[in-house]
C-alpha atoms as a PDB file:
ATOM      1  CA  UNK A   1     -31.299   7.670  -7.258  1.00  0.00           C
ATOM      2  CA  UNK A   2     -31.661  11.415  -6.811  1.00  0.00           C
ATOM      3  CA  UNK A   3     -28.136  12.003  -8.038  1.00  0.00           C
ATOM      4  CA  UNK A   4     -29.178  10.599 -11.411  1.00  0.00           C
ATOM      5  CA  UNK A   5     -31.968  13.122 -11.911  1.00  0.00           C
ATOM      6  CA  UNK A   6     -32.356  13.954 -15.580  1.00  0.00           C
ATOM      7  CA  UNK A   7     -36.063  14.298 -16.197  1.00  0.00           C
ATOM      8  CA  UNK A   8     -36.663  13.055 -19.732  1.00  0.00           C
ATOM      9  CA  UNK A   9     -38.648  10.255 -21.321  1.00  0.00           C
ATOM     10  CA  UNK A  10     -35.768   7.792 -21.177  1.00  0.00           C
ATOM     11  CA  UNK A  11     -35.945   4.619 -19.079  1.00  0.00           C
ATOM     12  CA  UNK A  12     -33.259   6.011 -16.775  1.00  0.00           C
ATOM     13  CA  UNK A  13     -35.354   9.125 -16.262  1.00  0.00           C
ATOM     14  CA  UNK A  14     -38.369   7.061 -15.315  1.00  0.00           C
ATOM     15  CA  UNK A  15     -36.288   5.279 -12.699  1.00  0.00           C
ATOM     16  CA  UNK A  16     -35.127   8.624 -11.440  1.00  0.00           C
ATOM     17  CA  UNK A  17     -38.679   9.900 -11.327  1.00  0.00           C
ATOM     18  CA  UNK A  18     -39.496   7.022  -9.036  1.00  0.00           C
ATOM     19  CA  UNK A  19     -36.459   7.938  -6.964  1.00  0.00           C
ATOM     20  CA  UNK A  20     -37.690  11.465  -6.521  1.00  0.00           C
ATOM     21  CA  UNK A  21     -41.023  10.108  -5.541  1.00  0.00           C
ATOM     22  CA  UNK A  22     -38.986   8.546  -2.776  1.00  0.00           C
ATOM     23  CA  UNK A  23     -37.076  11.638  -1.824  1.00  0.00           C
ATOM     24  CA  UNK A  24     -38.986  14.909  -1.680  1.00  0.00           C
ATOM     25  CA  UNK A  25     -41.203  16.992   0.468  1.00  0.00           C
ATOM     26  CA  UNK A  26     -45.029  17.459   0.714  1.00  0.00           C
ATOM     27  CA  UNK A  27     -48.061  18.453  -1.447  1.00  0.00           C
ATOM     28  CA  UNK A  28     -51.594  19.739  -1.861  1.00  0.00           C
ATOM     29  CA  UNK A  29     -53.490  16.462  -1.608  1.00  0.00           C
ATOM     30  CA  UNK A  30     -52.266  15.706   1.907  1.00  0.00           C
ATOM     31  CA  UNK A  31     -53.075  19.024   3.584  1.00  0.00           C
ATOM     32  CA  UNK A  32     -56.351  19.393   5.466  1.00  0.00           C
ATOM     33  CA  UNK A  33     -57.890  22.082   7.626  1.00  0.00           C
ATOM     34  CA  UNK A  34     -56.329  21.836  11.047  1.00  0.00           C
ATOM     35  CA  UNK A  35     -56.251  23.360  14.483  1.00  0.00           C
ATOM     36  CA  UNK A  36     -53.620  23.433  17.179  1.00  0.00           C
ATOM     37  CA  UNK A  37     -50.060  24.634  17.339  1.00  0.00           C
ATOM     38  CA  UNK A  38     -47.820  26.256  16.667  1.00  0.00           C
ATOM     39  CA  UNK A  39     -45.658  23.359  17.778  1.00  0.00           C
ATOM     40  CA  UNK A  40     -41.975  23.393  18.675  1.00  0.00           C
ATOM     41  CA  UNK A  41     -40.454  21.497  15.749  1.00  0.00           C
ATOM     42  CA  UNK A  42     -36.834  22.564  16.274  1.00  0.00           C
ATOM     43  CA  UNK A  43     -34.792  19.395  16.504  1.00  0.00           C
ATOM     44  CA  UNK A  44     -33.857  16.211  14.664  1.00  0.00           C
ATOM     45  CA  UNK A  45     -36.226  14.512  12.245  1.00  0.00           C
ATOM     46  CA  UNK A  46     -36.302  11.215  10.387  1.00  0.00           C
ATOM     47  CA  UNK A  47     -38.198  11.525   7.110  1.00  0.00           C
ATOM     48  CA  UNK A  48     -39.812   8.513   5.453  1.00  0.00           C
ATOM     49  CA  UNK A  49     -40.911   8.901   1.841  1.00  0.00           C
ATOM     50  CA  UNK A  50     -43.195   6.532   0.007  1.00  0.00           C
ATOM     51  CA  UNK A  51     -44.518   6.183  -3.526  1.00  0.00           C
ATOM     52  CA  UNK A  52     -45.368   3.510  -6.034  1.00  0.00           C
ATOM     53  CA  UNK A  53     -41.634   3.381  -6.755  1.00  0.00           C
ATOM     54  CA  UNK A  54     -40.659   2.366  -3.221  1.00  0.00           C
ATOM     55  CA  UNK A  55     -39.577   4.094  -0.035  1.00  0.00           C
ATOM     56  CA  UNK A  56     -36.570   5.840   1.433  1.00  0.00           C
ATOM     57  CA  UNK A  57     -35.421   7.158   4.822  1.00  0.00           C
ATOM     58  CA  UNK A  58     -33.584  10.428   5.384  1.00  0.00           C
ATOM     59  CA  UNK A  59     -32.031  12.057   8.444  1.00  0.00           C
ATOM     60  CA  UNK A  60     -31.984  15.744   9.223  1.00  0.00           C
ATOM     61  CA  UNK A  61     -33.076  18.707  11.296  1.00  0.00           C
ATOM     62  CA  UNK A  62     -35.269  21.793  11.507  1.00  0.00           C
ATOM     63  CA  UNK A  63     -33.906  25.061  12.911  1.00  0.00           C
ATOM     64  CA  UNK A  64     -35.674  27.971  14.606  1.00  0.00           C
ATOM     65  CA  UNK A  65     -36.188  29.768  11.272  1.00  0.00           C
ATOM     66  CA  UNK A  66     -38.031  26.747   9.858  1.00  0.00           C
ATOM     67  CA  UNK A  67     -35.247  25.571   7.555  1.00  0.00           C
ATOM     68  CA  UNK A  68     -35.762  21.817   7.113  1.00  0.00           C
ATOM     69  CA  UNK A  69     -33.049  19.672   5.505  1.00  0.00           C
ATOM     70  CA  UNK A  70     -32.492  15.921   5.416  1.00  0.00           C
ATOM     71  CA  UNK A  71     -30.112  13.562   3.614  1.00  0.00           C
ATOM     72  CA  UNK A  72     -30.253   9.876   2.775  1.00  0.00           C
ATOM     73  CA  UNK A  73     -27.713   7.085   3.069  1.00  0.00           C
ATOM     74  CA  UNK A  74     -29.395   4.380   1.032  1.00  0.00           C
ATOM     75  CA  UNK A  75     -26.402   2.949  -0.794  1.00  0.00           C
ATOM     76  CA  UNK A  76     -28.491   0.034  -2.108  1.00  0.00           C
ATOM     77  CA  UNK A  77     -30.514   2.576  -4.094  1.00  0.00           C
ATOM     78  CA  UNK A  78     -27.467   4.660  -5.045  1.00  0.00           C
ATOM     79  CA  UNK A  79     -28.899   7.684  -3.255  1.00  0.00           C
ATOM     80  CA  UNK A  80     -26.368   8.190  -0.478  1.00  0.00           C
ATOM     81  CA  UNK A  81     -25.832  11.864   0.316  1.00  0.00           C
ATOM     82  CA  UNK A  82     -28.752  13.269  -1.657  1.00  0.00           C
ATOM     83  CA  UNK A  83     -30.631  16.106   0.059  1.00  0.00           C
ATOM     84  CA  UNK A  84     -34.223  17.248   0.353  1.00  0.00           C
ATOM     85  CA  UNK A  85     -35.281  20.701   1.488  1.00  0.00           C
ATOM     86  CA  UNK A  86     -38.857  20.757   2.732  1.00  0.00           C
ATOM     87  CA  UNK A  87     -41.007  23.901   2.791  1.00  0.00           C
ATOM     88  CA  UNK A  88     -40.397  26.248   5.717  1.00  0.00           C
ATOM     89  CA  UNK A  89     -41.673  24.520   8.860  1.00  0.00           C
ATOM     90  CA  UNK A  90     -42.326  26.917  11.734  1.00  0.00           C
ATOM     91  CA  UNK A  91     -44.637  24.605  13.683  1.00  0.00           C
ATOM     92  CA  UNK A  92     -47.898  25.972  12.268  1.00  0.00           C
ATOM     93  CA  UNK A  93     -50.386  23.130  11.856  1.00  0.00           C
ATOM     94  CA  UNK A  94     -50.463  23.468   8.057  1.00  0.00           C
ATOM     95  CA  UNK A  95     -47.776  24.399   5.545  1.00  0.00           C
ATOM     96  CA  UNK A  96     -47.260  24.699   1.819  1.00  0.00           C
ATOM     97  CA  UNK A  97     -44.432  25.680  -0.457  1.00  0.00           C
ATOM     98  CA  UNK A  98     -41.665  24.098  -2.498  1.00  0.00           C
ATOM     99  CA  UNK A  99     -39.846  20.864  -1.767  1.00  0.00           C
ATOM    100  CA  UNK A 100     -36.494  20.749  -3.531  1.00  0.00           C
ATOM    101  CA  UNK A 101     -34.424  17.643  -4.237  1.00  0.00           C
ATOM    102  CA  UNK A 102     -30.652  17.952  -4.665  1.00  0.00           C
ATOM    103  CA  UNK A 103     -28.399  15.191  -5.946  1.00  0.00           C
ATOM    104  CA  UNK A 104     -25.029  14.736  -4.281  1.00  0.00           C
ATOM    105  CA  UNK A 105     -22.215  16.475  -6.215  1.00  0.00           C
ATOM    106  CA  UNK A 106     -20.805  14.517  -9.141  1.00  0.00           C
ATOM    107  CA  UNK A 107     -18.574  15.409 -12.094  1.00  0.00           C
ATOM    108  CA  UNK A 108     -21.770  15.911 -14.137  1.00  0.00           C
ATOM    109  CA  UNK A 109     -23.752  18.878 -12.814  1.00  0.00           C
ATOM    110  CA  UNK A 110     -27.389  18.060 -12.068  1.00  0.00           C
ATOM    111  CA  UNK A 111     -30.011  20.721 -11.548  1.00  0.00           C
ATOM    112  CA  UNK A 112     -32.214  20.611  -8.428  1.00  0.00           C
ATOM    113  CA  UNK A 113     -35.804  19.489  -8.869  1.00  0.00           C
ATOM    114  CA  UNK A 114     -38.548  21.664  -7.352  1.00  0.00           C
ATOM    115  CA  UNK A 115     -41.963  20.229  -6.486  1.00  0.00           C
ATOM    116  CA  UNK A 116     -45.156  21.707  -5.079  1.00  0.00           C
ATOM    117  CA  UNK A 117     -45.544  20.643  -1.450  1.00  0.00           C
ATOM    118  CA  UNK A 118     -48.122  20.887   1.307  1.00  0.00           C
ATOM    119  CA  UNK A 119     -48.923  19.126   4.562  1.00  0.00           C
ATOM    120  CA  UNK A 120     -49.716  19.236   8.247  1.00  0.00           C
ATOM    121  CA  UNK A 121     -47.788  19.394  11.516  1.00  0.00           C
ATOM    122  CA  UNK A 122     -49.782  17.101  13.803  1.00  0.00           C
ATOM    123  CA  UNK A 123     -47.627  17.656  16.879  1.00  0.00           C
ATOM    124  CA  UNK A 124     -44.088  18.485  17.986  1.00  0.00           C
ATOM    125  CA  UNK A 125     -43.101  14.954  16.965  1.00  0.00           C
ATOM    126  CA  UNK A 126     -45.147  14.224  13.823  1.00  0.00           C
ATOM    127  CA  UNK A 127     -45.400  15.787  10.352  1.00  0.00           C
ATOM    128  CA  UNK A 128     -47.210  14.471   7.255  1.00  0.00           C
ATOM    129  CA  UNK A 129     -47.325  15.744   3.701  1.00  0.00           C
ATOM    130  CA  UNK A 130     -47.358  15.024  -0.001  1.00  0.00           C
ATOM    131  CA  UNK A 131     -45.947  16.601  -3.143  1.00  0.00           C
ATOM    132  CA  UNK A 132     -46.794  16.901  -6.817  1.00  0.00           C
ATOM    133  CA  UNK A 133     -45.324  18.113 -10.055  1.00  0.00           C
ATOM    134  CA  UNK A 134     -42.949  16.067 -12.179  1.00  0.00           C
ATOM    135  CA  UNK A 135     -43.106  13.468  -9.390  1.00  0.00           C
ATOM    136  CA  UNK A 136     -45.794  12.663  -6.817  1.00  0.00           C
ATOM    137  CA  UNK A 137     -45.745  10.968  -3.454  1.00  0.00           C
ATOM    138  CA  UNK A 138     -46.233  11.304   0.282  1.00  0.00           C
ATOM    139  CA  UNK A 139     -44.020  11.526   3.334  1.00  0.00           C
ATOM    140  CA  UNK A 140     -44.085  11.323   7.087  1.00  0.00           C
ATOM    141  CA  UNK A 141     -41.557  12.785   9.485  1.00  0.00           C
ATOM    142  CA  UNK A 142     -40.983  11.857  13.106  1.00  0.00           C
ATOM    143  CA  UNK A 143     -38.686  13.400  15.664  1.00  0.00           C
ATOM    144  CA  UNK A 144     -35.786  11.161  16.671  1.00  0.00           C
ATOM    145  CA  UNK A 145     -32.637  11.206  18.781  1.00  0.00           C
ATOM    146  CA  UNK A 146     -29.578  10.422  16.636  1.00  0.00           C
ATOM    147  CA  UNK A 147     -27.169  11.037  19.503  1.00  0.00           C
ATOM    148  CA  UNK A 148     -26.610   8.975  22.630  1.00  0.00           C
ATOM    149  CA  UNK A 149     -25.628  11.438  25.316  1.00  0.00           C
ATOM    150  CA  UNK A 150     -25.272  15.207  25.226  1.00  0.00           C
ATOM    151  CA  UNK A 151     -24.247  17.489  22.369  1.00  0.00           C
ATOM    152  CA  UNK A 152     -20.520  18.222  22.655  1.00  0.00           C
ATOM    153  CA  UNK A 153     -18.361  20.674  20.735  1.00  0.00           C
ATOM    154  CA  UNK A 154     -15.578  18.960  18.791  1.00  0.00           C
ATOM    155  CA  UNK A 155     -12.088  20.376  19.256  1.00  0.00           C
ATOM    156  CA  UNK A 156      -8.579  19.756  18.017  1.00  0.00           C
ATOM    157  CA  UNK A 157      -7.788  17.785  14.878  1.00  0.00           C
ATOM    158  CA  UNK A 158     -10.954  16.516  13.202  1.00  0.00           C
ATOM    159  CA  UNK A 159     -11.275  14.603   9.928  1.00  0.00           C
ATOM    160  CA  UNK A 160     -13.902  15.803   7.447  1.00  0.00           C
ATOM    161  CA  UNK A 161     -15.179  14.115   4.315  1.00  0.00           C
ATOM    162  CA  UNK A 162     -17.966  14.971   1.884  1.00  0.00           C
ATOM    163  CA  UNK A 163     -20.330  12.435   0.379  1.00  0.00           C
ATOM    164  CA  UNK A 164     -19.828  13.058  -3.317  1.00  0.00           C
ATOM    165  CA  UNK A 165     -17.666  15.876  -4.625  1.00  0.00           C
ATOM    166  CA  UNK A 166     -17.840  18.354  -7.522  1.00  0.00           C
ATOM    167  CA  UNK A 167     -15.419  17.621 -10.362  1.00  0.00           C
ATOM    168  CA  UNK A 168     -15.015  14.099  -8.972  1.00  0.00           C
ATOM    169  CA  UNK A 169     -12.397  15.249  -6.447  1.00  0.00           C
ATOM    170  CA  UNK A 170     -12.391  13.411  -3.106  1.00  0.00           C
ATOM    171  CA  UNK A 171     -12.869  15.538  -0.015  1.00  0.00           C
ATOM    172  CA  UNK A 172     -11.028  14.074   2.988  1.00  0.00           C
ATOM    173  CA  UNK A 173      -9.061  16.591   4.993  1.00  0.00           C
ATOM    174  CA  UNK A 174      -7.849  17.336   8.535  1.00  0.00           C
ATOM    175  CA  UNK A 175      -9.645  20.275  10.106  1.00  0.00           C
ATOM    176  CA  UNK A 176      -8.848  22.234  13.234  1.00  0.00           C
ATOM    177  CA  UNK A 177     -11.972  22.645  15.365  1.00  0.00           C
ATOM    178  CA  UNK A 178     -12.284  25.155  18.196  1.00  0.00           C
ATOM    179  CA  UNK A 179     -15.092  25.223  20.754  1.00  0.00           C
ATOM    180  CA  UNK A 180     -16.454  28.781  20.853  1.00  0.00           C
ATOM    181  CA  UNK A 181     -19.496  28.375  23.088  1.00  0.00           C
ATOM    182  CA  UNK A 182     -19.832  28.663  26.837  1.00  0.00           C
ATOM    183  CA  UNK A 183     -21.835  26.752  29.414  1.00  0.00           C
ATOM    184  CA  UNK A 184     -24.200  24.318  27.685  1.00  0.00           C
ATOM    185  CA  UNK A 185     -23.668  26.029  24.324  1.00  0.00           C
ATOM    186  CA  UNK A 186     -21.678  23.874  21.897  1.00  0.00           C
ATOM    187  CA  UNK A 187     -20.781  26.392  19.180  1.00  0.00           C
ATOM    188  CA  UNK A 188     -17.721  25.531  17.082  1.00  0.00           C
ATOM    189  CA  UNK A 189     -15.496  27.115  14.463  1.00  0.00           C
ATOM    190  CA  UNK A 190     -13.260  25.219  12.055  1.00  0.00           C
ATOM    191  CA  UNK A 191     -10.561  25.826   9.490  1.00  0.00           C
ATOM    192  CA  UNK A 192      -8.210  23.905   7.242  1.00  0.00           C
ATOM    193  CA  UNK A 193      -5.606  24.440   4.556  1.00  0.00           C
ATOM    194  CA  UNK A 194      -6.008  21.702   1.994  1.00  0.00           C
ATOM    195  CA  UNK A 195      -2.771  19.791   1.476  1.00  0.00           C
ATOM    196  CA  UNK A 196      -3.875  18.587  -1.959  1.00  0.00           C
ATOM    197  CA  UNK A 197      -5.023  22.087  -2.921  1.00  0.00           C
ATOM    198  CA  UNK A 198      -2.596  24.486  -1.208  1.00  0.00           C
ATOM    199  CA  UNK A 199      -4.309  27.587  -2.546  1.00  0.00           C
ATOM    200  CA  UNK A 200      -7.702  26.541  -1.171  1.00  0.00           C
ATOM    201  CA  UNK A 201      -8.719  27.316   2.406  1.00  0.00           C
ATOM    202  CA  UNK A 202     -11.916  26.255   4.138  1.00  0.00           C
ATOM    203  CA  UNK A 203     -13.377  27.795   7.275  1.00  0.00           C
ATOM    204  CA  UNK A 204     -16.734  27.955   8.953  1.00  0.00           C
ATOM    205  CA  UNK A 205     -18.902  27.839  12.030  1.00  0.00           C
ATOM    206  CA  UNK A 206     -21.453  25.587  13.735  1.00  0.00           C
ATOM    207  CA  UNK A 207     -23.875  27.689  15.793  1.00  0.00           C
ATOM    208  CA  UNK A 208     -26.080  25.642  18.098  1.00  0.00           C
ATOM    209  CA  UNK A 209     -29.819  26.389  17.944  1.00  0.00           C
ATOM    210  CA  UNK A 210     -30.935  26.863  21.581  1.00  0.00           C
ATOM    211  CA  UNK A 211     -29.952  23.650  23.400  1.00  0.00           C
ATOM    212  CA  UNK A 212     -31.151  21.324  20.632  1.00  0.00           C
ATOM    213  CA  UNK A 213     -28.953  18.971  18.642  1.00  0.00           C
ATOM    214  CA  UNK A 214     -29.217  21.358  15.701  1.00  0.00           C
ATOM    215  CA  UNK A 215     -26.591  23.724  14.312  1.00  0.00           C
ATOM    216  CA  UNK A 216     -26.870  26.535  11.791  1.00  0.00           C
ATOM    217  CA  UNK A 217     -23.784  26.005   9.642  1.00  0.00           C
ATOM    218  CA  UNK A 218     -21.730  28.418   7.550  1.00  0.00           C
ATOM    219  CA  UNK A 219     -18.790  27.260   5.411  1.00  0.00           C
ATOM    220  CA  UNK A 220     -16.488  29.328   3.194  1.00  0.00           C
ATOM    221  CA  UNK A 221     -14.246  28.019   0.395  1.00  0.00           C
ATOM    222  CA  UNK A 222     -11.614  30.474  -0.806  1.00  0.00           C
ATOM    223  CA  UNK A 223      -8.825  29.951  -3.338  1.00  0.00           C
ATOM    224  CA  UNK A 224      -8.142  29.223  -6.969  1.00  0.00           C
ATOM    225  CA  UNK A 225      -7.985  25.431  -6.558  1.00  0.00           C
ATOM    226  CA  UNK A 226     -11.228  24.989  -4.608  1.00  0.00           C
ATOM    227  CA  UNK A 227     -13.840  22.880  -6.346  1.00  0.00           C
ATOM    228  CA  UNK A 228     -16.353  25.396  -4.940  1.00  0.00           C
ATOM    229  CA  UNK A 229     -15.771  29.023  -3.972  1.00  0.00           C
ATOM    230  CA  UNK A 230     -17.929  31.239  -1.805  1.00  0.00           C
ATOM    231  CA  UNK A 231     -19.834  31.053   1.463  1.00  0.00           C
ATOM    232  CA  UNK A 232     -22.663  28.556   1.855  1.00  0.00           C
ATOM    233  CA  UNK A 233     -25.068  27.776   4.685  1.00  0.00           C
ATOM    234  CA  UNK A 234     -27.062  24.831   5.943  1.00  0.00           C
ATOM    235  CA  UNK A 235     -27.851  22.712   8.980  1.00  0.00           C
ATOM    236  CA  UNK A 236     -25.870  20.311  11.122  1.00  0.00           C
ATOM    237  CA  UNK A 237     -26.367  17.797  13.908  1.00  0.00           C
ATOM    238  CA  UNK A 238     -24.420  15.183  15.850  1.00  0.00           C
ATOM    239  CA  UNK A 239     -25.075  11.454  15.726  1.00  0.00           C
ATOM    240  CA  UNK A 240     -23.738   8.298  17.301  1.00  0.00           C
ATOM    241  CA  UNK A 241     -23.981   6.701  13.846  1.00  0.00           C
ATOM    242  CA  UNK A 242     -21.497   6.872  10.972  1.00  0.00           C
ATOM    243  CA  UNK A 243     -24.200   7.119   8.283  1.00  0.00           C
ATOM    244  CA  UNK A 244     -21.784   7.043   5.353  1.00  0.00           C
ATOM    245  CA  UNK A 245     -19.458   4.324   6.617  1.00  0.00           C
ATOM    246  CA  UNK A 246     -16.412   6.557   6.292  1.00  0.00           C
ATOM    247  CA  UNK A 247     -14.767   5.034   9.378  1.00  0.00           C
ATOM    248  CA  UNK A 248     -14.064   1.535  10.613  1.00  0.00           C
ATOM    249  CA  UNK A 249     -14.219   0.145  14.137  1.00  0.00           C
ATOM    250  CA  UNK A 250     -11.553   1.701  16.327  1.00  0.00           C
ATOM    251  CA  UNK A 251     -10.569   4.465  13.907  1.00  0.00           C
ATOM    252  CA  UNK A 252     -12.849   7.225  15.183  1.00  0.00           C
ATOM    253  CA  UNK A 253     -14.080   8.726  18.414  1.00  0.00           C
ATOM    254  CA  UNK A 254     -17.752   9.699  18.411  1.00  0.00           C
ATOM    255  CA  UNK A 255     -19.874  11.625  18.014  1.00  0.00           C
ATOM    256  CA  UNK A 256     -20.094  12.073  14.253  1.00  0.00           C
ATOM    257  CA  UNK A 257     -20.917  15.623  13.193  1.00  0.00           C
ATOM    258  CA  UNK A 258     -22.878  16.269   9.990  1.00  0.00           C
ATOM    259  CA  UNK A 259     -23.248  19.410   7.894  1.00  0.00           C
ATOM    260  CA  UNK A 260     -25.923  19.509   5.179  1.00  0.00           C
ATOM    261  CA  UNK A 261     -24.848  22.456   2.990  1.00  0.00           C
ATOM    262  CA  UNK A 262     -27.049  24.189   0.413  1.00  0.00           C
ATOM    263  CA  UNK A 263     -24.957  25.105  -2.618  1.00  0.00           C
ATOM    264  CA  UNK A 264     -27.374  24.946  -5.551  1.00  0.00           C
ATOM    265  CA  UNK A 265     -26.448  22.090  -7.907  1.00  0.00           C
ATOM    266  CA  UNK A 266     -23.444  21.301  -5.679  1.00  0.00           C
ATOM    267  CA  UNK A 267     -25.441  20.864  -2.442  1.00  0.00           C
ATOM    268  CA  UNK A 268     -23.536  18.346  -0.317  1.00  0.00           C
ATOM    269  CA  UNK A 269     -23.261  16.632   3.058  1.00  0.00           C
ATOM    270  CA  UNK A 270     -20.058  16.550   5.115  1.00  0.00           C
ATOM    271  CA  UNK A 271     -19.262  14.206   7.970  1.00  0.00           C
ATOM    272  CA  UNK A 272     -16.700  15.098  10.660  1.00  0.00           C
ATOM    273  CA  UNK A 273     -15.149  12.836  13.289  1.00  0.00           C
ATOM    274  CA  UNK A 274     -12.266  12.793  15.756  1.00  0.00           C
ATOM    275  CA  UNK A 275      -9.620  10.176  14.804  1.00  0.00           C
ATOM    276  CA  UNK A 276      -8.979   7.559  17.487  1.00  0.00           C
ATOM    277  CA  UNK A 277      -5.741   8.145  19.423  1.00  0.00           C
END
């Protein structure tokens, strides 16, 4: 859905417009005067988007700076790995700004779609909003717990794969993870040298936000054969669920670690897991 965004008057574009109506942030019509807050919204959020074109569910997080990202895994609607960035959410009872929809990377570059967004934070567990522009719709967001158990830093050999890839190149590589936190802090660093692209190296960090299941993520691609080059940032979290179905029963040890990386038209989601012994 979102990955096919080409806003024109073609039939395909109209279908995509409906898809965006299923996948973006908030808007003016849904914001009302409010009292209360600010609320602590740092944590994991499940976003449900609805329009005349249908509905969609996305999974993500909000960090202490108010960055709010979520991705979908609706393979039936061909929108697995698309990303929405909601307006900055600091916990104030009302918000407004831009909601941006990013398609997963494909060989054909697709520009992000920006919409006007506005809404309300009703509590530390409930957010509502709507959006307008080239697409219109509403959304609700509720806090949820994707992980059974405690957040744990991954270490050792970890497999990483991206949902979608620029230039059509698959991204499935062994990474070396190192726990860098102490006590209850689950910070991690990671690095790899890509066997299929020997002149491309990837490194980065997961920095846990307080004690929440939320990580500020930084990832750097360096080398002449990288599909992307540069340093990009985003959000991560751990889950007991393999959202993208990259693994099969008995081939991975949980939890599954996700990184939702903002990289303009190449914004992507990576999933990491420890291979079963």
